[in-house]
Amino acid sequence: VQLQASGGGLVQPGGSLRLSCVASGVTSSSYTMSWFRQTSGNEREFVAAFRRTHSSTHYSDSVKGRFTMSRDNPRNTVYLQMNALKPEDTGVYYCALYQGGLILSQMKIPTSYHYWGQGTQVTVSS
């Protein structure tokens, strides 16, 4: 399995960005695909997740109402649309995949995931 994340960049506060994550080699019809972010000196923080088994999408409280996760199944791609960006959204964003179904308590824990993309930098600054 390989994950390729892209779409990061520099944006002013209040602006928008859309991140993409292309997955290849996924063999399970049941999976959890998530986005995490990390700033220097901090652990990876859960941002959003899609659980295929439950067809459910979940968001951290800090991004709920501003970020939307979607997917394009024929292209094996998930997106993270980020609106109303704030300086505290700055970080390296990673997509992650678990082949199978994660329960909610596991979904937000980085070590639950089998595979990670390379990360894409998002900087929100004026």
N, C-alpha and C. Protein backbone atom coordinates (compact mmCIF):
# COMPACT_ATOMS: atom_id res chain seq x y z
N VAL A 1 0.84 -1.19 0.00
CA VAL A 1 0.00 0.00 0.00
C VAL A 1 0.88 1.24 0.00
N GLN A 2 0.51 2.18 -0.85
CA GLN A 2 1.21 3.47 -0.86
C GLN A 2 0.18 4.58 -0.80
N LEU A 3 0.52 5.62 -0.04
CA LEU A 3 -0.33 6.79 0.07
C LEU A 3 0.47 8.00 -0.39
N GLN A 4 -0.14 8.82 -1.21
CA GLN A 4 0.53 10.02 -1.73
C GLN A 4 -0.34 11.22 -1.42
N ALA A 5 0.15 12.07 -0.50
CA ALA A 5 -0.59 13.27 -0.11
C ALA A 5 -0.07 14.48 -0.86
N SER A 6 -0.96 15.41 -1.16
CA SER A 6 -0.57 16.64 -1.85
C SER A 6 -1.60 17.72 -1.56
N GLY A 7 -1.27 18.95 -2.00
CA GLY A 7 -2.23 20.05 -1.91
C GLY A 7 -1.93 21.09 -0.86
N GLY A 8 -0.88 20.89 -0.09
CA GLY A 8 -0.54 21.88 0.92
C GLY A 8 -0.02 23.18 0.31
N GLY A 9 0.17 24.16 1.16
CA GLY A 9 0.69 25.43 0.68
C GLY A 9 0.57 26.50 1.73
N LEU A 10 0.82 27.74 1.29
CA LEU A 10 0.71 28.91 2.16
C LEU A 10 -0.61 29.61 1.87
N VAL A 11 -1.37 29.90 2.90
CA VAL A 11 -2.66 30.55 2.73
C VAL A 11 -2.87 31.55 3.86
N GLN A 12 -3.60 32.61 3.58
CA GLN A 12 -3.89 33.60 4.61
C GLN A 12 -4.99 33.09 5.54
N PRO A 13 -5.03 33.60 6.75
CA PRO A 13 -6.14 33.25 7.65
C PRO A 13 -7.49 33.54 7.00
N GLY A 14 -8.41 32.60 7.16
CA GLY A 14 -9.71 32.71 6.52
C GLY A 14 -9.77 32.07 5.16
N GLY A 15 -8.64 31.68 4.62
CA GLY A 15 -8.59 31.08 3.29
C GLY A 15 -8.90 29.60 3.30
N SER A 16 -8.75 28.99 2.12
CA SER A 16 -9.09 27.58 1.95
C SER A 16 -7.99 26.83 1.21
N LEU A 17 -7.92 25.55 1.49
CA LEU A 17 -7.05 24.64 0.76
C LEU A 17 -7.76 23.30 0.67
N ARG A 18 -7.40 22.51 -0.36
CA ARG A 18 -7.91 21.16 -0.46
C ARG A 18 -6.74 20.20 -0.57
N LEU A 19 -6.65 19.30 0.37
CA LEU A 19 -5.63 18.28 0.34
C LEU A 19 -6.17 17.02 -0.32
N SER A 20 -5.27 16.29 -0.99
CA SER A 20 -5.63 15.04 -1.63
C SER A 20 -4.73 13.92 -1.13
N CYS A 21 -5.26 12.73 -1.09
CA CYS A 21 -4.46 11.56 -0.74
C CYS A 21 -4.88 10.42 -1.67
N VAL A 22 -3.94 10.00 -2.51
CA VAL A 22 -4.19 8.91 -3.44
C VAL A 22 -3.65 7.62 -2.84
N ALA A 23 -4.50 6.61 -2.79
CA ALA A 23 -4.11 5.32 -2.23
C ALA A 23 -3.95 4.30 -3.35
N SER A 24 -2.89 3.51 -3.27
CA SER A 24 -2.69 2.43 -4.23
C SER A 24 -2.35 1.16 -3.48
N GLY A 25 -2.78 0.03 -4.04
CA GLY A 25 -2.47 -1.25 -3.43
C GLY A 25 -3.36 -1.67 -2.29
N VAL A 26 -4.48 -0.96 -2.10
CA VAL A 26 -5.39 -1.32 -1.01
C VAL A 26 -6.18 -2.56 -1.43
N THR A 27 -6.13 -3.58 -0.60
CA THR A 27 -6.76 -4.86 -0.95
C THR A 27 -8.03 -5.13 -0.16
N SER A 28 -8.26 -4.39 0.90
CA SER A 28 -9.42 -4.64 1.73
C SER A 28 -10.56 -3.69 1.37
N SER A 29 -11.77 -4.24 1.35
CA SER A 29 -12.94 -3.39 1.11
C SER A 29 -13.35 -2.69 2.39
N SER A 30 -12.77 -3.10 3.51
CA SER A 30 -13.04 -2.47 4.79
C SER A 30 -11.78 -1.75 5.22
N TYR A 31 -11.89 -0.44 5.39
CA TYR A 31 -10.70 0.33 5.78
C TYR A 31 -11.11 1.59 6.52
N THR A 32 -10.15 2.16 7.18
CA THR A 32 -10.30 3.48 7.80
C THR A 32 -9.21 4.37 7.23
N MET A 33 -9.60 5.49 6.65
CA MET A 33 -8.67 6.45 6.08
C MET A 33 -8.80 7.74 6.87
N SER A 34 -7.67 8.26 7.32
CA SER A 34 -7.70 9.41 8.20
C SER A 34 -6.68 10.46 7.81
N TRP A 35 -6.89 11.65 8.35
CA TRP A 35 -5.92 12.75 8.26
C TRP A 35 -5.46 13.09 9.68
N PHE A 36 -4.14 13.28 9.80
CA PHE A 36 -3.53 13.76 11.02
C PHE A 36 -2.69 14.98 10.67
N ARG A 37 -2.33 15.75 11.65
CA ARG A 37 -1.41 16.86 11.44
C ARG A 37 -0.41 16.89 12.59
N GLN A 38 0.72 17.50 12.29
CA GLN A 38 1.80 17.54 13.27
C GLN A 38 2.56 18.84 13.14
N THR A 39 2.86 19.46 14.27
CA THR A 39 3.73 20.61 14.31
C THR A 39 5.00 20.22 15.04
N SER A 40 6.04 21.01 14.85
CA SER A 40 7.35 20.69 15.40
C SER A 40 7.29 20.52 16.91
N GLY A 41 7.81 19.41 17.39
CA GLY A 41 7.86 19.16 18.82
C GLY A 41 6.60 18.57 19.41
N ASN A 42 5.59 18.37 18.57
CA ASN A 42 4.32 17.83 19.06
C ASN A 42 4.01 16.49 18.43
N GLU A 43 3.14 15.74 19.07
CA GLU A 43 2.69 14.47 18.50
C GLU A 43 1.68 14.73 17.39
N ARG A 44 1.50 13.71 16.58
CA ARG A 44 0.49 13.81 15.52
C ARG A 44 -0.90 13.89 16.14
N GLU A 45 -1.67 14.81 15.58
CA GLU A 45 -3.01 15.11 16.10
C GLU A 45 -4.05 14.65 15.09
N PHE A 46 -5.05 13.96 15.58
CA PHE A 46 -6.14 13.52 14.71
C PHE A 46 -6.91 14.71 14.17
N VAL A 47 -7.25 14.64 12.88
CA VAL A 47 -8.02 15.71 12.24
C VAL A 47 -9.38 15.19 11.77
N ALA A 48 -9.37 14.13 10.96
CA ALA A 48 -10.61 13.60 10.39
C ALA A 48 -10.40 12.16 9.95
N ALA A 49 -11.51 11.41 9.87
CA ALA A 49 -11.43 10.02 9.45
C ALA A 49 -12.69 9.60 8.73
N PHE A 50 -12.52 8.67 7.80
CA PHE A 50 -13.66 8.02 7.14
C PHE A 50 -13.54 6.53 7.40
N ARG A 51 -14.59 5.96 7.98
CA ARG A 51 -14.61 4.52 8.23
C ARG A 51 -15.51 3.87 7.20
N ARG A 52 -14.92 3.14 6.25
CA ARG A 52 -15.68 2.53 5.17
C ARG A 52 -16.71 1.53 5.69
N THR A 53 -16.35 0.78 6.71
CA THR A 53 -17.25 -0.24 7.24
C THR A 53 -18.58 0.36 7.69
N HIS A 54 -18.51 1.54 8.29
CA HIS A 54 -19.70 2.19 8.82
C HIS A 54 -20.19 3.32 7.92
N SER A 55 -19.45 3.59 6.82
CA SER A 55 -19.76 4.75 5.97
C SER A 55 -19.92 6.01 6.82
N SER A 56 -19.01 6.18 7.76
CA SER A 56 -19.12 7.31 8.67
C SER A 56 -17.86 8.17 8.59
N THR A 57 -18.05 9.47 8.80
CA THR A 57 -16.96 10.43 8.81
C THR A 57 -16.92 11.11 10.16
N HIS A 58 -15.71 11.35 10.65
CA HIS A 58 -15.54 11.90 12.00
C HIS A 58 -14.51 13.03 11.94
N TYR A 59 -14.70 14.01 12.80
CA TYR A 59 -13.81 15.17 12.82
C TYR A 59 -13.41 15.49 14.25
N SER A 60 -12.23 16.07 14.40
CA SER A 60 -11.85 16.58 15.71
C SER A 60 -12.67 17.84 15.99
N ASP A 61 -12.84 18.15 17.24
CA ASP A 61 -13.62 19.33 17.61
C ASP A 61 -13.01 20.60 17.05
N SER A 62 -11.69 20.63 16.91
CA SER A 62 -11.02 21.85 16.46
C SER A 62 -11.27 22.18 14.99
N VAL A 63 -11.70 21.20 14.20
CA VAL A 63 -11.92 21.45 12.76
C VAL A 63 -13.37 21.25 12.35
N LYS A 64 -14.19 20.74 13.24
CA LYS A 64 -15.59 20.45 12.90
C LYS A 64 -16.28 21.73 12.43
N GLY A 65 -16.99 21.61 11.31
CA GLY A 65 -17.68 22.75 10.74
C GLY A 65 -16.84 23.55 9.77
N ARG A 66 -15.54 23.33 9.75
CA ARG A 66 -14.64 24.04 8.84
C ARG A 66 -14.01 23.11 7.81
N PHE A 67 -13.73 21.88 8.21
CA PHE A 67 -13.09 20.91 7.32
C PHE A 67 -14.11 19.86 6.90
N THR A 68 -13.97 19.38 5.65
CA THR A 68 -14.84 18.33 5.15
C THR A 68 -14.00 17.28 4.45
N MET A 69 -14.21 16.04 4.84
CA MET A 69 -13.50 14.93 4.21
C MET A 69 -14.43 14.25 3.23
N SER A 70 -13.92 14.00 2.02
CA SER A 70 -14.72 13.33 1.01
C SER A 70 -13.84 12.33 0.27
N ARG A 71 -14.45 11.56 -0.60
CA ARG A 71 -13.67 10.55 -1.32
C ARG A 71 -14.17 10.40 -2.74
N ASP A 72 -13.25 9.96 -3.60
CA ASP A 72 -13.56 9.65 -5.00
C ASP A 72 -13.13 8.21 -5.19
N ASN A 73 -14.09 7.30 -5.07
CA ASN A 73 -13.74 5.88 -5.08
C ASN A 73 -13.07 5.42 -6.37
N PRO A 74 -13.57 5.80 -7.56
CA PRO A 74 -12.89 5.34 -8.79
C PRO A 74 -11.43 5.78 -8.87
N ARG A 75 -11.11 6.92 -8.25
CA ARG A 75 -9.73 7.41 -8.28
C ARG A 75 -8.94 7.02 -7.03
N ASN A 76 -9.58 6.24 -6.14
CA ASN A 76 -8.92 5.82 -4.89
C ASN A 76 -8.31 7.01 -4.17
N THR A 77 -9.06 8.08 -4.10
CA THR A 77 -8.57 9.33 -3.54
C THR A 77 -9.51 9.83 -2.46
N VAL A 78 -8.93 10.35 -1.38
CA VAL A 78 -9.71 11.07 -0.39
C VAL A 78 -9.23 12.51 -0.36
N TYR A 79 -10.13 13.40 0.00
CA TYR A 79 -9.84 14.82 0.02
C TYR A 79 -10.13 15.37 1.41
N LEU A 80 -9.43 16.43 1.74
CA LEU A 80 -9.73 17.20 2.94
C LEU A 80 -9.89 18.65 2.52
N GLN A 81 -11.13 19.09 2.44
CA GLN A 81 -11.41 20.48 2.12
C GLN A 81 -11.33 21.28 3.40
N MET A 82 -10.44 22.25 3.44
CA MET A 82 -10.20 23.05 4.65
C MET A 82 -10.60 24.48 4.38
N ASN A 83 -11.62 24.95 5.07
CA ASN A 83 -12.11 26.31 4.93
C ASN A 83 -11.91 27.08 6.23
N ALA A 84 -12.00 28.39 6.13
CA ALA A 84 -11.86 29.26 7.31
C ALA A 84 -10.62 28.90 8.10
N LEU A 85 -9.51 28.79 7.39
CA LEU A 85 -8.28 28.34 8.03
C LEU A 85 -7.77 29.36 9.05
N LYS A 86 -7.17 28.82 10.11
CA LYS A 86 -6.63 29.62 11.19
C LYS A 86 -5.13 29.35 11.32
N PRO A 87 -4.37 30.27 11.90
CA PRO A 87 -2.94 30.03 12.09
C PRO A 87 -2.65 28.73 12.85
N GLU A 88 -3.52 28.36 13.77
CA GLU A 88 -3.30 27.13 14.52
C GLU A 88 -3.55 25.86 13.71
N ASP A 89 -4.01 26.01 12.48
CA ASP A 89 -4.14 24.85 11.57
C ASP A 89 -2.81 24.53 10.88
N THR A 90 -1.83 25.39 11.06
CA THR A 90 -0.52 25.18 10.45
C THR A 90 0.09 23.87 10.93
N GLY A 91 0.70 23.14 9.99
CA GLY A 91 1.37 21.90 10.33
C GLY A 91 1.60 21.05 9.10
N VAL A 92 2.22 19.92 9.31
CA VAL A 92 2.36 18.92 8.24
C VAL A 92 1.18 17.97 8.36
N TYR A 93 0.46 17.84 7.27
CA TYR A 93 -0.73 16.99 7.24
C TYR A 93 -0.39 15.65 6.60
N TYR A 94 -0.79 14.59 7.29
CA TYR A 94 -0.54 13.23 6.83
C TYR A 94 -1.85 12.49 6.63
N CYS A 95 -1.91 11.68 5.57
CA CYS A 95 -3.01 10.74 5.46
C CYS A 95 -2.53 9.38 5.95
N ALA A 96 -3.43 8.61 6.49
CA ALA A 96 -3.10 7.32 7.07
C ALA A 96 -4.20 6.32 6.77
N LEU A 97 -3.82 5.05 6.70
CA LEU A 97 -4.77 4.00 6.33
C LEU A 97 -4.63 2.82 7.26
N TYR A 98 -5.78 2.31 7.69
CA TYR A 98 -5.83 1.03 8.41
C TYR A 98 -6.71 0.11 7.58
N GLN A 99 -6.20 -1.03 7.23
CA GLN A 99 -6.98 -1.99 6.44
C GLN A 99 -7.82 -2.82 7.41
N GLY A 100 -9.09 -2.43 7.49
CA GLY A 100 -10.00 -3.05 8.43
C GLY A 100 -10.82 -1.95 9.09
N GLY A 101 -11.61 -2.32 10.05
CA GLY A 101 -12.43 -1.34 10.73
C GLY A 101 -11.87 -0.99 12.09
N LEU A 102 -11.67 0.29 12.35
CA LEU A 102 -11.22 0.74 13.66
C LEU A 102 -12.41 1.19 14.48
N ILE A 103 -12.38 0.85 15.76
CA ILE A 103 -13.41 1.40 16.63
C ILE A 103 -13.04 2.85 16.94
N LEU A 104 -14.02 3.60 17.42
CA LEU A 104 -13.81 5.03 17.59
C LEU A 104 -12.63 5.35 18.50
N SER A 105 -12.44 4.57 19.55
CA SER A 105 -11.36 4.87 20.48
C SER A 105 -9.98 4.67 19.85
N GLN A 106 -9.91 3.83 18.83
CA GLN A 106 -8.63 3.57 18.15
C GLN A 106 -8.37 4.56 17.02
N MET A 107 -9.42 5.09 16.48
CA MET A 107 -9.36 5.90 15.27
C MET A 107 -8.47 7.12 15.43
N LYS A 108 -8.41 7.69 16.62
CA LYS A 108 -7.67 8.93 16.83
C LYS A 108 -6.23 8.68 17.27
N ILE A 109 -5.80 7.44 17.34
CA ILE A 109 -4.47 7.09 17.81
C ILE A 109 -3.57 6.77 16.63
N PRO A 110 -2.50 7.54 16.42
CA PRO A 110 -1.64 7.33 15.25
C PRO A 110 -1.08 5.91 15.14
N THR A 111 -0.74 5.30 16.22
CA THR A 111 -0.14 3.96 16.16
C THR A 111 -1.12 2.88 15.74
N SER A 112 -2.40 3.22 15.59
CA SER A 112 -3.39 2.25 15.11
C SER A 112 -3.25 1.97 13.62
N TYR A 113 -2.58 2.84 12.89
CA TYR A 113 -2.58 2.79 11.43
C TYR A 113 -1.40 2.02 10.87
N HIS A 114 -1.69 1.30 9.77
CA HIS A 114 -0.65 0.52 9.12
C HIS A 114 0.22 1.36 8.18
N TYR A 115 -0.41 2.29 7.50
CA TYR A 115 0.28 2.98 6.40
C TYR A 115 0.12 4.49 6.52
N TRP A 116 1.17 5.20 6.09
CA TRP A 116 1.18 6.66 6.14
C TRP A 116 1.68 7.24 4.83
N GLY A 117 1.12 8.38 4.44
CA GLY A 117 1.66 9.15 3.34
C GLY A 117 2.84 9.98 3.82
N GLN A 118 3.44 10.71 2.89
CA GLN A 118 4.68 11.42 3.19
C GLN A 118 4.46 12.77 3.86
N GLY A 119 3.24 13.26 3.89
CA GLY A 119 2.97 14.55 4.53
C GLY A 119 3.03 15.70 3.55
N THR A 120 2.19 16.69 3.80
CA THR A 120 2.18 17.90 2.99
C THR A 120 2.03 19.09 3.93
N GLN A 121 2.86 20.12 3.72
CA GLN A 121 2.91 21.26 4.63
C GLN A 121 1.78 22.24 4.36
N VAL A 122 1.09 22.61 5.43
CA VAL A 122 0.08 23.66 5.37
C VAL A 122 0.52 24.78 6.30
N THR A 123 0.62 25.99 5.75
CA THR A 123 1.00 27.15 6.55
C THR A 123 -0.07 28.22 6.41
N VAL A 124 -0.63 28.60 7.54
CA VAL A 124 -1.66 29.64 7.56
C VAL A 124 -1.06 30.86 8.23
N SER A 125 -0.82 31.89 7.43
CA SER A 125 -0.15 33.07 7.94
C SER A 125 -0.45 34.26 7.05
N SER A 126 -0.50 35.43 7.67
CA SER A 126 -0.67 36.65 6.90
C SER A 126 0.69 37.27 6.56
